[in-house]
Amino acid sequence: MQPHWNGVYPALTTKFTSDDQLDLPMFERNLLAQLEAGVNGVIIGGSLGEASTLENQEKLNLIRFALDQVAGKIPVIMTIAEGSTRHAIALAQEAEQAGANGLMVLPPMRYKSDHRETVAFYKTIARASALPIMVYNNPVDYKVEVTLDMFAELAEEATIQSVKESTRDVSNVTRMINRFGKRFKILCGVDTIAMEELMLGADGWVAGLVCAFPKETVALYQLTKAGKIEEALKIYRWFLPLLELDIHPKLVQYIKLAEAEVGLGTEHVRAPRLPLVGEERERVLRIIRNGVNHQPDTAY
């Protein structure tokens, strides 16, 4: 199934057991909740999925398992977040062989590549696999910005089709559209500005809190794109304190705590991350529980 790069694409967390193994039953529970809510695709092994701590075989196991569960209903996207072009190519090709429907590709990890190196990195991966690619543009966290001039060169590769727009500058949506029209699909990658970017013309949303609140996320997307702004704002204003959990260095622990509270996950993370404790855990729990206790009506 080819991704259309429209709608809600959850960046799924990776579920672990207490002894640090993949928790596939809990992963399945969350995945089925996403499907029921009406998401348009899922992303495996991203930042929220603790990609840096996963073995390649674990990522491929998750891809195969997700493909079995979704049974062709939605595309399953593999994340490529590697330190070398060689390793990125190898994982992209393995993902393609495993049946992945697309790739979300980050710039080179750990090395701050320049314009020429960043473009060469993406083009080399695009030419090594037939899978469609979403560029993950997140200079805030990963220090490499994929600029408009870079996108002008990347536009030469037909399989580079979309961008996860995480610059945190909402005007970048308009810049992309002004320069490239509809050449690239744009998906907001920052939960706290999703409604704004959708109103400015973004096609989709790579979401984080959707892992715990799938129905609300899908409803917010659909209402916004339908122009039902008053109804969308009721959800968005309720949602914002929760969405702010997505823009913290401990977003994995925060979102996993939210999943645990709603029965769609556990708090288990992989070291060096540790579960939340003490005042920090209580503070985040208060935000989550307040949201749970005041969930809006999503039946519009």
C-alpha atoms as a PDB file:
ATOM      1  CA  MET A   1       0.000   0.000   0.000  1.00  0.00           C
ATOM      2  CA  GLN A   2       1.444   3.339  -1.069  1.00  0.00           C
ATOM      3  CA  PRO A   3       1.250   6.165   1.492  1.00  0.00           C
ATOM      4  CA  HIS A   4      -0.697   9.214   0.365  1.00  0.00           C
ATOM      5  CA  TRP A   5       0.882  11.364   3.116  1.00  0.00           C
ATOM      6  CA  ASN A   6      -2.489  12.788   4.163  1.00  0.00           C
ATOM      7  CA  GLY A   7      -4.156  12.573   7.551  1.00  0.00           C
ATOM      8  CA  VAL A   8      -2.866  11.358  10.903  1.00  0.00           C
ATOM      9  CA  TYR A   9       0.293   9.237  11.094  1.00  0.00           C
ATOM     10  CA  PRO A  10       1.027   8.157  14.680  1.00  0.00           C
ATOM     11  CA  ALA A  11       4.701   7.981  15.605  1.00  0.00           C
ATOM     12  CA  LEU A  12       4.162   4.830  17.607  1.00  0.00           C
ATOM     13  CA  THR A  13       5.980   4.148  20.853  1.00  0.00           C
ATOM     14  CA  THR A  14       7.836   0.863  21.143  1.00  0.00           C
ATOM     15  CA  LYS A  15       6.315  -1.281  23.847  1.00  0.00           C
ATOM     16  CA  PHE A  16       8.665  -3.197  26.176  1.00  0.00           C
ATOM     17  CA  THR A  17       8.132  -5.846  28.826  1.00  0.00           C
ATOM     18  CA  SER A  18       9.558  -5.500  32.328  1.00  0.00           C
ATOM     19  CA  ASP A  19      12.563  -7.581  31.200  1.00  0.00           C
ATOM     20  CA  ASP A  20      13.289  -5.288  28.222  1.00  0.00           C
ATOM     21  CA  GLN A  21      11.864  -7.408  25.412  1.00  0.00           C
ATOM     22  CA  LEU A  22       9.431  -6.223  22.747  1.00  0.00           C
ATOM     23  CA  ASP A  23       5.896  -6.318  24.163  1.00  0.00           C
ATOM     24  CA  LEU A  24       4.011  -7.298  21.023  1.00  0.00           C
ATOM     25  CA  PRO A  25       0.619  -7.895  22.718  1.00  0.00           C
ATOM     26  CA  MET A  26       0.615  -4.343  24.105  1.00  0.00           C
ATOM     27  CA  PHE A  27       1.903  -2.998  20.796  1.00  0.00           C
ATOM     28  CA  GLU A  28      -1.020  -4.769  19.125  1.00  0.00           C
ATOM     29  CA  ARG A  29      -3.538  -3.266  21.563  1.00  0.00           C
ATOM     30  CA  ASN A  30      -2.341   0.238  20.796  1.00  0.00           C
ATOM     31  CA  LEU A  31      -2.115  -0.379  17.057  1.00  0.00           C
ATOM     32  CA  LEU A  32      -5.692  -1.653  16.909  1.00  0.00           C
ATOM     33  CA  ALA A  33      -6.888   1.409  18.836  1.00  0.00           C
ATOM     34  CA  GLN A  34      -5.202   3.593  16.214  1.00  0.00           C
ATOM     35  CA  LEU A  35      -6.900   1.678  13.415  1.00  0.00           C
ATOM     36  CA  GLU A  36     -10.285   1.952  15.116  1.00  0.00           C
ATOM     37  CA  ALA A  37      -9.840   5.712  15.471  1.00  0.00           C
ATOM     38  CA  GLY A  38      -9.209   6.064  11.746  1.00  0.00           C
ATOM     39  CA  VAL A  39      -5.521   6.959  11.431  1.00  0.00           C
ATOM     40  CA  ASN A  40      -4.079   7.068   7.917  1.00  0.00           C
ATOM     41  CA  GLY A  41      -0.749   5.323   8.496  1.00  0.00           C
ATOM     42  CA  VAL A  42       1.696   4.409  11.262  1.00  0.00           C
ATOM     43  CA  ILE A  43       5.389   5.117  11.750  1.00  0.00           C
ATOM     44  CA  ILE A  44       7.673   2.563  13.396  1.00  0.00           C
ATOM     45  CA  GLY A  45      10.957   3.227  15.172  1.00  0.00           C
ATOM     46  CA  GLY A  46      10.978   7.018  15.237  1.00  0.00           C
ATOM     47  CA  SER A  47      12.287   9.255  18.003  1.00  0.00           C
ATOM     48  CA  LEU A  48       9.202   8.500  20.071  1.00  0.00           C
ATOM     49  CA  GLY A  49       9.739   4.830  19.238  1.00  0.00           C
ATOM     50  CA  GLU A  50      13.165   4.927  20.937  1.00  0.00           C
ATOM     51  CA  ALA A  51      14.926   4.254  17.626  1.00  0.00           C
ATOM     52  CA  SER A  52      18.398   4.869  19.035  1.00  0.00           C
ATOM     53  CA  THR A  53      18.033   1.953  21.463  1.00  0.00           C
ATOM     54  CA  LEU A  54      16.475  -0.577  19.071  1.00  0.00           C
ATOM     55  CA  GLU A  55      18.362  -3.292  17.242  1.00  0.00           C
ATOM     56  CA  ASN A  56      17.686  -3.377  13.515  1.00  0.00           C
ATOM     57  CA  GLN A  57      16.107  -6.802  13.885  1.00  0.00           C
ATOM     58  CA  GLU A  58      13.683  -5.446  16.462  1.00  0.00           C
ATOM     59  CA  LYS A  59      12.663  -2.664  14.063  1.00  0.00           C
ATOM     60  CA  LEU A  60      12.095  -5.193  11.296  1.00  0.00           C
ATOM     61  CA  ASN A  61      10.118  -7.444  13.648  1.00  0.00           C
ATOM     62  CA  LEU A  62       7.868  -4.506  14.506  1.00  0.00           C
ATOM     63  CA  ILE A  63       7.391  -3.702  10.823  1.00  0.00           C
ATOM     64  CA  ARG A  64       6.390  -7.280   9.985  1.00  0.00           C
ATOM     65  CA  PHE A  65       4.078  -7.507  12.997  1.00  0.00           C
ATOM     66  CA  ALA A  66       2.394  -4.182  12.190  1.00  0.00           C
ATOM     67  CA  LEU A  67       1.917  -5.190   8.558  1.00  0.00           C
ATOM     68  CA  ASP A  68       0.189  -8.389   9.674  1.00  0.00           C
ATOM     69  CA  GLN A  69      -2.102  -6.487  12.008  1.00  0.00           C
ATOM     70  CA  VAL A  70      -3.134  -3.697   9.648  1.00  0.00           C
ATOM     71  CA  ALA A  71      -3.653  -6.175   6.797  1.00  0.00           C
ATOM     72  CA  GLY A  72      -3.333  -3.583   4.062  1.00  0.00           C
ATOM     73  CA  LYS A  73      -5.725  -1.058   5.611  1.00  0.00           C
ATOM     74  CA  ILE A  74      -3.055   1.629   6.095  1.00  0.00           C
ATOM     75  CA  PRO A  75       0.622   2.025   5.191  1.00  0.00           C
ATOM     76  CA  VAL A  76       3.370   1.116   7.641  1.00  0.00           C
ATOM     77  CA  ILE A  77       6.397   3.417   7.563  1.00  0.00           C
ATOM     78  CA  MET A  78       9.909   2.552   8.798  1.00  0.00           C
ATOM     79  CA  THR A  79      12.164   5.227  10.274  1.00  0.00           C
ATOM     80  CA  ILE A  80      15.759   5.536   9.085  1.00  0.00           C
ATOM     81  CA  ALA A  81      17.906   7.295  11.703  1.00  0.00           C
ATOM     82  CA  GLU A  82      21.475   6.203  11.134  1.00  0.00           C
ATOM     83  CA  GLY A  83      24.927   7.641  11.579  1.00  0.00           C
ATOM     84  CA  SER A  84      26.283   6.506   8.239  1.00  0.00           C
ATOM     85  CA  THR A  85      24.913   6.443   4.707  1.00  0.00           C
ATOM     86  CA  ARG A  86      26.005   2.821   4.421  1.00  0.00           C
ATOM     87  CA  HIS A  87      23.920   1.758   7.413  1.00  0.00           C
ATOM     88  CA  ALA A  88      20.963   3.865   6.267  1.00  0.00           C
ATOM     89  CA  ILE A  89      20.980   2.171   2.857  1.00  0.00           C
ATOM     90  CA  ALA A  90      21.191  -1.283   4.401  1.00  0.00           C
ATOM     91  CA  LEU A  91      18.258  -0.661   6.745  1.00  0.00           C
ATOM     92  CA  ALA A  92      16.169   0.924   3.981  1.00  0.00           C
ATOM     93  CA  GLN A  93      16.691  -2.128   1.786  1.00  0.00           C
ATOM     94  CA  GLU A  94      15.912  -4.495   4.650  1.00  0.00           C
ATOM     95  CA  ALA A  95      12.738  -2.555   5.405  1.00  0.00           C
ATOM     96  CA  GLU A  96      11.696  -2.811   1.778  1.00  0.00           C
ATOM     97  CA  GLN A  97      12.305  -6.565   1.790  1.00  0.00           C
ATOM     98  CA  ALA A  98      10.270  -6.861   5.012  1.00  0.00           C
ATOM     99  CA  GLY A  99       7.299  -5.219   3.276  1.00  0.00           C
ATOM    100  CA  ALA A 100       7.422  -1.670   4.650  1.00  0.00           C
ATOM    101  CA  ASN A 101       5.325   0.781   2.625  1.00  0.00           C
ATOM    102  CA  GLY A 102       7.564   3.808   3.022  1.00  0.00           C
ATOM    103  CA  LEU A 103      10.452   5.412   4.876  1.00  0.00           C
ATOM    104  CA  MET A 104      10.761   8.395   7.186  1.00  0.00           C
ATOM    105  CA  VAL A 105      14.393   9.479   6.882  1.00  0.00           C
ATOM    106  CA  LEU A 106      16.280  11.700   9.304  1.00  0.00           C
ATOM    107  CA  PRO A 107      19.477  13.512   8.315  1.00  0.00           C
ATOM    108  CA  PRO A 108      22.736  11.808   9.355  1.00  0.00           C
ATOM    109  CA  MET A 109      22.867  11.221  13.094  1.00  0.00           C
ATOM    110  CA  ARG A 110      25.671  12.576  15.288  1.00  0.00           C
ATOM    111  CA  TYR A 111      27.425  14.390  12.416  1.00  0.00           C
ATOM    112  CA  LYS A 112      26.188  17.835  11.398  1.00  0.00           C
ATOM    113  CA  SER A 113      26.163  17.488   7.626  1.00  0.00           C
ATOM    114  CA  ASP A 114      26.349  20.540   5.370  1.00  0.00           C
ATOM    115  CA  HIS A 115      24.149  21.321   2.343  1.00  0.00           C
ATOM    116  CA  ARG A 116      26.020  19.088  -0.109  1.00  0.00           C
ATOM    117  CA  GLU A 117      26.333  16.197   2.328  1.00  0.00           C
ATOM    118  CA  THR A 118      22.676  16.320   3.402  1.00  0.00           C
ATOM    119  CA  VAL A 119      21.414  16.304  -0.177  1.00  0.00           C
ATOM    120  CA  ALA A 120      23.790  13.488  -1.120  1.00  0.00           C
ATOM    121  CA  PHE A 121      22.624  11.469   1.894  1.00  0.00           C
ATOM    122  CA  TYR A 122      18.955  11.678   0.940  1.00  0.00           C
ATOM    123  CA  LYS A 123      19.543  11.134  -2.764  1.00  0.00           C
ATOM    124  CA  THR A 124      21.700   8.076  -2.151  1.00  0.00           C
ATOM    125  CA  ILE A 125      19.018   6.464   0.023  1.00  0.00           C
ATOM    126  CA  ALA A 126      16.312   7.347  -2.504  1.00  0.00           C
ATOM    127  CA  ARG A 127      18.282   5.641  -5.268  1.00  0.00           C
ATOM    128  CA  ALA A 128      18.956   2.536  -3.166  1.00  0.00           C
ATOM    129  CA  SER A 129      15.286   1.706  -2.517  1.00  0.00           C
ATOM    130  CA  ALA A 130      12.013   2.039  -4.385  1.00  0.00           C
ATOM    131  CA  LEU A 131      10.120   3.016  -1.227  1.00  0.00           C
ATOM    132  CA  PRO A 132       8.545   6.492  -0.991  1.00  0.00           C
ATOM    133  CA  ILE A 133      10.315   8.788   1.435  1.00  0.00           C
ATOM    134  CA  MET A 134       9.254  11.403   3.961  1.00  0.00           C
ATOM    135  CA  VAL A 135      12.078  13.767   4.931  1.00  0.00           C
ATOM    136  CA  TYR A 136      12.162  14.449   8.670  1.00  0.00           C
ATOM    137  CA  ASN A 137      13.128  18.112   9.013  1.00  0.00           C
ATOM    138  CA  ASN A 138      13.854  18.784  12.684  1.00  0.00           C
ATOM    139  CA  PRO A 139      16.777  21.186  13.150  1.00  0.00           C
ATOM    140  CA  VAL A 140      15.760  21.917  16.750  1.00  0.00           C
ATOM    141  CA  ASP A 141      16.541  18.405  17.953  1.00  0.00           C
ATOM    142  CA  TYR A 142      18.893  17.081  15.265  1.00  0.00           C
ATOM    143  CA  LYS A 143      20.812  20.271  14.334  1.00  0.00           C
ATOM    144  CA  VAL A 144      20.546  19.812  10.562  1.00  0.00           C
ATOM    145  CA  GLU A 145      17.957  21.859   8.698  1.00  0.00           C
ATOM    146  CA  VAL A 146      16.737  20.639   5.336  1.00  0.00           C
ATOM    147  CA  THR A 147      16.409  24.024   3.673  1.00  0.00           C
ATOM    148  CA  LEU A 148      14.213  25.031   0.753  1.00  0.00           C
ATOM    149  CA  ASP A 149      17.275  25.063  -1.483  1.00  0.00           C
ATOM    150  CA  MET A 150      17.985  21.483  -0.457  1.00  0.00           C
ATOM    151  CA  PHE A 151      14.397  20.502  -1.212  1.00  0.00           C
ATOM    152  CA  ALA A 152      14.804  22.034  -4.668  1.00  0.00           C
ATOM    153  CA  GLU A 153      17.538  19.477  -5.340  1.00  0.00           C
ATOM    154  CA  LEU A 154      15.692  16.630  -3.630  1.00  0.00           C
ATOM    155  CA  ALA A 155      12.681  17.301  -5.858  1.00  0.00           C
ATOM    156  CA  GLU A 156      14.637  15.577  -8.630  1.00  0.00           C
ATOM    157  CA  GLU A 157      14.031  12.246  -6.853  1.00  0.00           C
ATOM    158  CA  ALA A 158      10.469  11.045  -7.490  1.00  0.00           C
ATOM    159  CA  THR A 159      10.390   8.866  -4.364  1.00  0.00           C
ATOM    160  CA  ILE A 160      11.108  11.821  -2.054  1.00  0.00           C
ATOM    161  CA  GLN A 161       7.485  12.796  -1.630  1.00  0.00           C
ATOM    162  CA  SER A 162       6.846  14.484   1.697  1.00  0.00           C
ATOM    163  CA  VAL A 163       8.263  16.237   4.722  1.00  0.00           C
ATOM    164  CA  LYS A 164       7.685  15.900   8.425  1.00  0.00           C
ATOM    165  CA  GLU A 165       7.806  19.625   9.164  1.00  0.00           C
ATOM    166  CA  SER A 166       9.309  20.014  12.630  1.00  0.00           C
ATOM    167  CA  THR A 167      11.190  23.290  12.333  1.00  0.00           C
ATOM    168  CA  ARG A 168       8.631  24.758  14.787  1.00  0.00           C
ATOM    169  CA  ASP A 169       8.231  27.701  12.406  1.00  0.00           C
ATOM    170  CA  VAL A 170       4.655  27.571  11.147  1.00  0.00           C
ATOM    171  CA  SER A 171       5.504  29.966   8.316  1.00  0.00           C
ATOM    172  CA  ASN A 172       7.700  27.251   6.801  1.00  0.00           C
ATOM    173  CA  VAL A 173       4.497  25.562   5.598  1.00  0.00           C
ATOM    174  CA  THR A 174       3.726  28.620   3.484  1.00  0.00           C
ATOM    175  CA  ARG A 175       7.317  28.864   2.272  1.00  0.00           C
ATOM    176  CA  MET A 176       7.210  25.257   1.077  1.00  0.00           C
ATOM    177  CA  ILE A 177       3.882  25.748  -0.698  1.00  0.00           C
ATOM    178  CA  ASN A 178       4.949  29.047  -2.265  1.00  0.00           C
ATOM    179  CA  ARG A 179       8.098  27.513  -3.696  1.00  0.00           C
ATOM    180  CA  PHE A 180       7.022  23.980  -4.553  1.00  0.00           C
ATOM    181  CA  GLY A 181       3.236  24.027  -4.815  1.00  0.00           C
ATOM    182  CA  LYS A 182       2.020  20.479  -4.298  1.00  0.00           C
ATOM    183  CA  ARG A 183       5.326  18.769  -5.117  1.00  0.00           C
ATOM    184  CA  PHE A 184       5.867  17.770  -1.480  1.00  0.00           C
ATOM    185  CA  LYS A 185       3.175  16.704   0.964  1.00  0.00           C
ATOM    186  CA  ILE A 186       3.639  18.503   4.281  1.00  0.00           C
ATOM    187  CA  LEU A 187       2.916  16.817   7.606  1.00  0.00           C
ATOM    188  CA  CYS A 188       3.197  18.762  10.849  1.00  0.00           C
ATOM    189  CA  GLY A 189       5.611  17.018  13.209  1.00  0.00           C
ATOM    190  CA  VAL A 190       5.065  19.118  16.335  1.00  0.00           C
ATOM    191  CA  ASP A 191       1.875  18.423  18.278  1.00  0.00           C
ATOM    192  CA  THR A 192       1.521  21.899  19.777  1.00  0.00           C
ATOM    193  CA  ILE A 193       1.273  23.665  16.400  1.00  0.00           C
ATOM    194  CA  ALA A 194      -0.610  21.005  14.455  1.00  0.00           C
ATOM    195  CA  MET A 195      -3.889  22.886  14.133  1.00  0.00           C
ATOM    196  CA  GLU A 196      -2.112  26.050  12.999  1.00  0.00           C
ATOM    197  CA  GLU A 197      -0.110  24.210  10.327  1.00  0.00           C
ATOM    198  CA  LEU A 198      -3.154  22.295   9.100  1.00  0.00           C
ATOM    199  CA  MET A 199      -5.005  25.581   8.677  1.00  0.00           C
ATOM    200  CA  LEU A 200      -2.066  26.943   6.693  1.00  0.00           C
ATOM    201  CA  GLY A 201      -2.223  24.037   4.256  1.00  0.00           C
ATOM    202  CA  ALA A 202      -0.336  21.126   5.794  1.00  0.00           C
ATOM    203  CA  ASP A 203      -1.642  17.822   4.462  1.00  0.00           C
ATOM    204  CA  GLY A 204      -1.196  15.704   7.554  1.00  0.00           C
ATOM    205  CA  TRP A 205       0.078  15.310  11.083  1.00  0.00           C
ATOM    206  CA  VAL A 206       2.799  13.009  12.399  1.00  0.00           C
ATOM    207  CA  ALA A 207       1.414  12.898  15.915  1.00  0.00           C
ATOM    208  CA  GLY A 208       2.741  11.903  19.332  1.00  0.00           C
ATOM    209  CA  LEU A 209      -0.099  12.176  21.875  1.00  0.00           C
ATOM    210  CA  VAL A 210      -2.221  10.198  19.433  1.00  0.00           C
ATOM    211  CA  CYS A 211      -0.552   7.182  21.041  1.00  0.00           C
ATOM    212  CA  ALA A 212      -2.742   7.772  24.090  1.00  0.00           C
ATOM    213  CA  PHE A 213      -5.592   9.790  22.550  1.00  0.00           C
ATOM    214  CA  PRO A 214      -6.220   8.478  19.026  1.00  0.00           C
ATOM    215  CA  LYS A 215      -9.888   9.469  18.690  1.00  0.00           C
ATOM    216  CA  GLU A 216      -9.294  13.047  19.791  1.00  0.00           C
ATOM    217  CA  THR A 217      -6.314  13.416  17.454  1.00  0.00           C
ATOM    218  CA  VAL A 218      -8.200  12.138  14.421  1.00  0.00           C
ATOM    219  CA  ALA A 219     -11.235  14.271  15.270  1.00  0.00           C
ATOM    220  CA  LEU A 220      -9.076  17.388  15.579  1.00  0.00           C
ATOM    221  CA  TYR A 221      -7.468  16.705  12.210  1.00  0.00           C
ATOM    222  CA  GLN A 222     -10.759  15.992  10.439  1.00  0.00           C
ATOM    223  CA  LEU A 223     -12.601  18.978  11.885  1.00  0.00           C
ATOM    224  CA  THR A 224      -9.763  21.357  11.057  1.00  0.00           C
ATOM    225  CA  LYS A 225      -9.446  20.158   7.462  1.00  0.00           C
ATOM    226  CA  ALA A 226     -13.249  20.342   7.090  1.00  0.00           C
ATOM    227  CA  GLY A 227     -13.174  23.996   8.130  1.00  0.00           C
ATOM    228  CA  LYS A 228     -15.174  23.327  11.302  1.00  0.00           C
ATOM    229  CA  ILE A 229     -12.891  25.576  13.288  1.00  0.00           C
ATOM    230  CA  GLU A 230     -15.147  26.235  16.288  1.00  0.00           C
ATOM    231  CA  GLU A 231     -15.608  22.502  16.890  1.00  0.00           C
ATOM    232  CA  ALA A 232     -11.904  21.851  16.333  1.00  0.00           C
ATOM    233  CA  LEU A 233     -10.926  24.565  18.810  1.00  0.00           C
ATOM    234  CA  LYS A 234     -12.953  22.922  21.568  1.00  0.00           C
ATOM    235  CA  ILE A 235     -10.782  19.826  21.202  1.00  0.00           C
ATOM    236  CA  TYR A 236      -7.546  21.739  20.642  1.00  0.00           C
ATOM    237  CA  ARG A 237      -7.903  23.905  23.728  1.00  0.00           C
ATOM    238  CA  TRP A 238      -8.608  20.832  25.827  1.00  0.00           C
ATOM    239  CA  PHE A 239      -5.715  19.005  24.178  1.00  0.00           C
ATOM    240  CA  LEU A 240      -2.953  21.617  24.402  1.00  0.00           C
ATOM    241  CA  PRO A 241      -1.674  20.851  27.942  1.00  0.00           C
ATOM    242  CA  LEU A 242      -1.349  17.218  26.851  1.00  0.00           C
ATOM    243  CA  LEU A 243       0.203  18.098  23.494  1.00  0.00           C
ATOM    244  CA  GLU A 244       2.910  20.051  25.311  1.00  0.00           C
ATOM    245  CA  LEU A 245       4.199  16.733  26.646  1.00  0.00           C
ATOM    246  CA  ASP A 246       5.435  16.114  23.091  1.00  0.00           C
ATOM    247  CA  ILE A 247       7.984  18.956  23.097  1.00  0.00           C
ATOM    248  CA  HIS A 248      10.054  17.888  26.104  1.00  0.00           C
ATOM    249  CA  PRO A 249      13.304  15.855  26.140  1.00  0.00           C
ATOM    250  CA  LYS A 250      11.403  13.198  28.095  1.00  0.00           C
ATOM    251  CA  LEU A 251       8.543  13.001  25.606  1.00  0.00           C
ATOM    252  CA  VAL A 252       8.951   9.211  25.496  1.00  0.00           C
ATOM    253  CA  GLN A 253       8.431   8.797  29.233  1.00  0.00           C
ATOM    254  CA  TYR A 254       5.653  11.401  29.308  1.00  0.00           C
ATOM    255  CA  ILE A 255       3.690   9.875  26.446  1.00  0.00           C
ATOM    256  CA  LYS A 256       4.217   6.330  27.715  1.00  0.00           C
ATOM    257  CA  LEU A 257       2.818   7.426  31.082  1.00  0.00           C
ATOM    258  CA  ALA A 258      -0.234   8.778  29.256  1.00  0.00           C
ATOM    259  CA  GLU A 259      -0.598   5.483  27.374  1.00  0.00           C
ATOM    260  CA  ALA A 260      -0.446   3.578  30.649  1.00  0.00           C
ATOM    261  CA  GLU A 261      -3.128   5.799  32.190  1.00  0.00           C
ATOM    262  CA  VAL A 262      -5.575   5.059  29.364  1.00  0.00           C
ATOM    263  CA  GLY A 263      -4.729   1.364  29.078  1.00  0.00           C
ATOM    264  CA  LEU A 264      -2.890   1.569  25.751  1.00  0.00           C
ATOM    265  CA  GLY A 265       0.641   0.989  26.984  1.00  0.00           C
ATOM    266  CA  THR A 266       3.027   0.688  29.910  1.00  0.00           C
ATOM    267  CA  GLU A 267       5.702   2.881  31.434  1.00  0.00           C
ATOM    268  CA  HIS A 268       8.551   0.541  30.452  1.00  0.00           C
ATOM    269  CA  VAL A 269      11.340   2.333  28.582  1.00  0.00           C
ATOM    270  CA  ARG A 270      14.758   1.148  27.464  1.00  0.00           C
ATOM    271  CA  ALA A 271      17.866   2.404  29.268  1.00  0.00           C
ATOM    272  CA  PRO A 272      19.435   4.888  29.416  1.00  0.00           C
ATOM    273  CA  ARG A 273      15.895   6.217  29.746  1.00  0.00           C
ATOM    274  CA  LEU A 274      14.284   5.473  33.083  1.00  0.00           C
ATOM    275  CA  PRO A 275      10.607   5.625  34.098  1.00  0.00           C
ATOM    276  CA  LEU A 276       9.473   8.825  35.764  1.00  0.00           C
ATOM    277  CA  VAL A 277       9.584   9.081  39.567  1.00  0.00           C
ATOM    278  CA  GLY A 278       8.769  11.510  42.322  1.00  0.00           C
ATOM    279  CA  GLU A 279       7.479  15.029  41.797  1.00  0.00           C
ATOM    280  CA  GLU A 280       8.052  14.949  38.045  1.00  0.00           C
ATOM    281  CA  ARG A 281       5.877  11.865  37.639  1.00  0.00           C
ATOM    282  CA  GLU A 282       3.152  13.342  39.827  1.00  0.00           C
ATOM    283  CA  ARG A 283       3.187  16.619  37.916  1.00  0.00           C
ATOM    284  CA  VAL A 284       2.841  14.898  34.541  1.00  0.00           C
ATOM    285  CA  LEU A 285       0.170  12.578  35.939  1.00  0.00           C
ATOM    286  CA  ARG A 286      -1.902  15.554  37.031  1.00  0.00           C
ATOM    287  CA  ILE A 287      -1.862  16.914  33.491  1.00  0.00           C
ATOM    288  CA  ILE A 288      -2.803  13.533  32.042  1.00  0.00           C
ATOM    289  CA  ARG A 289      -5.544  12.800  34.549  1.00  0.00           C
ATOM    290  CA  ASN A 290      -7.046  16.253  34.174  1.00  0.00           C
ATOM    291  CA  GLY A 291      -7.243  15.623  30.450  1.00  0.00           C
ATOM    292  CA  VAL A 292      -8.742  12.181  30.898  1.00  0.00           C
ATOM    293  CA  ASN A 293     -11.335  13.531  33.319  1.00  0.00           C
ATOM    294  CA  HIS A 294     -12.454  16.247  30.873  1.00  0.00           C
ATOM    295  CA  GLN A 295     -12.296  14.487  27.520  1.00  0.00           C
ATOM    296  CA  PRO A 296     -14.294  16.318  24.855  1.00  0.00           C
ATOM    297  CA  ASP A 297     -17.011  14.894  22.690  1.00  0.00           C
ATOM    298  CA  THR A 298     -15.501  13.768  19.386  1.00  0.00           C
ATOM    299  CA  ALA A 299     -18.802  12.767  17.760  1.00  0.00           C
ATOM    300  CA  TYR A 300     -19.374  15.671  15.366  1.00  0.00           C
END
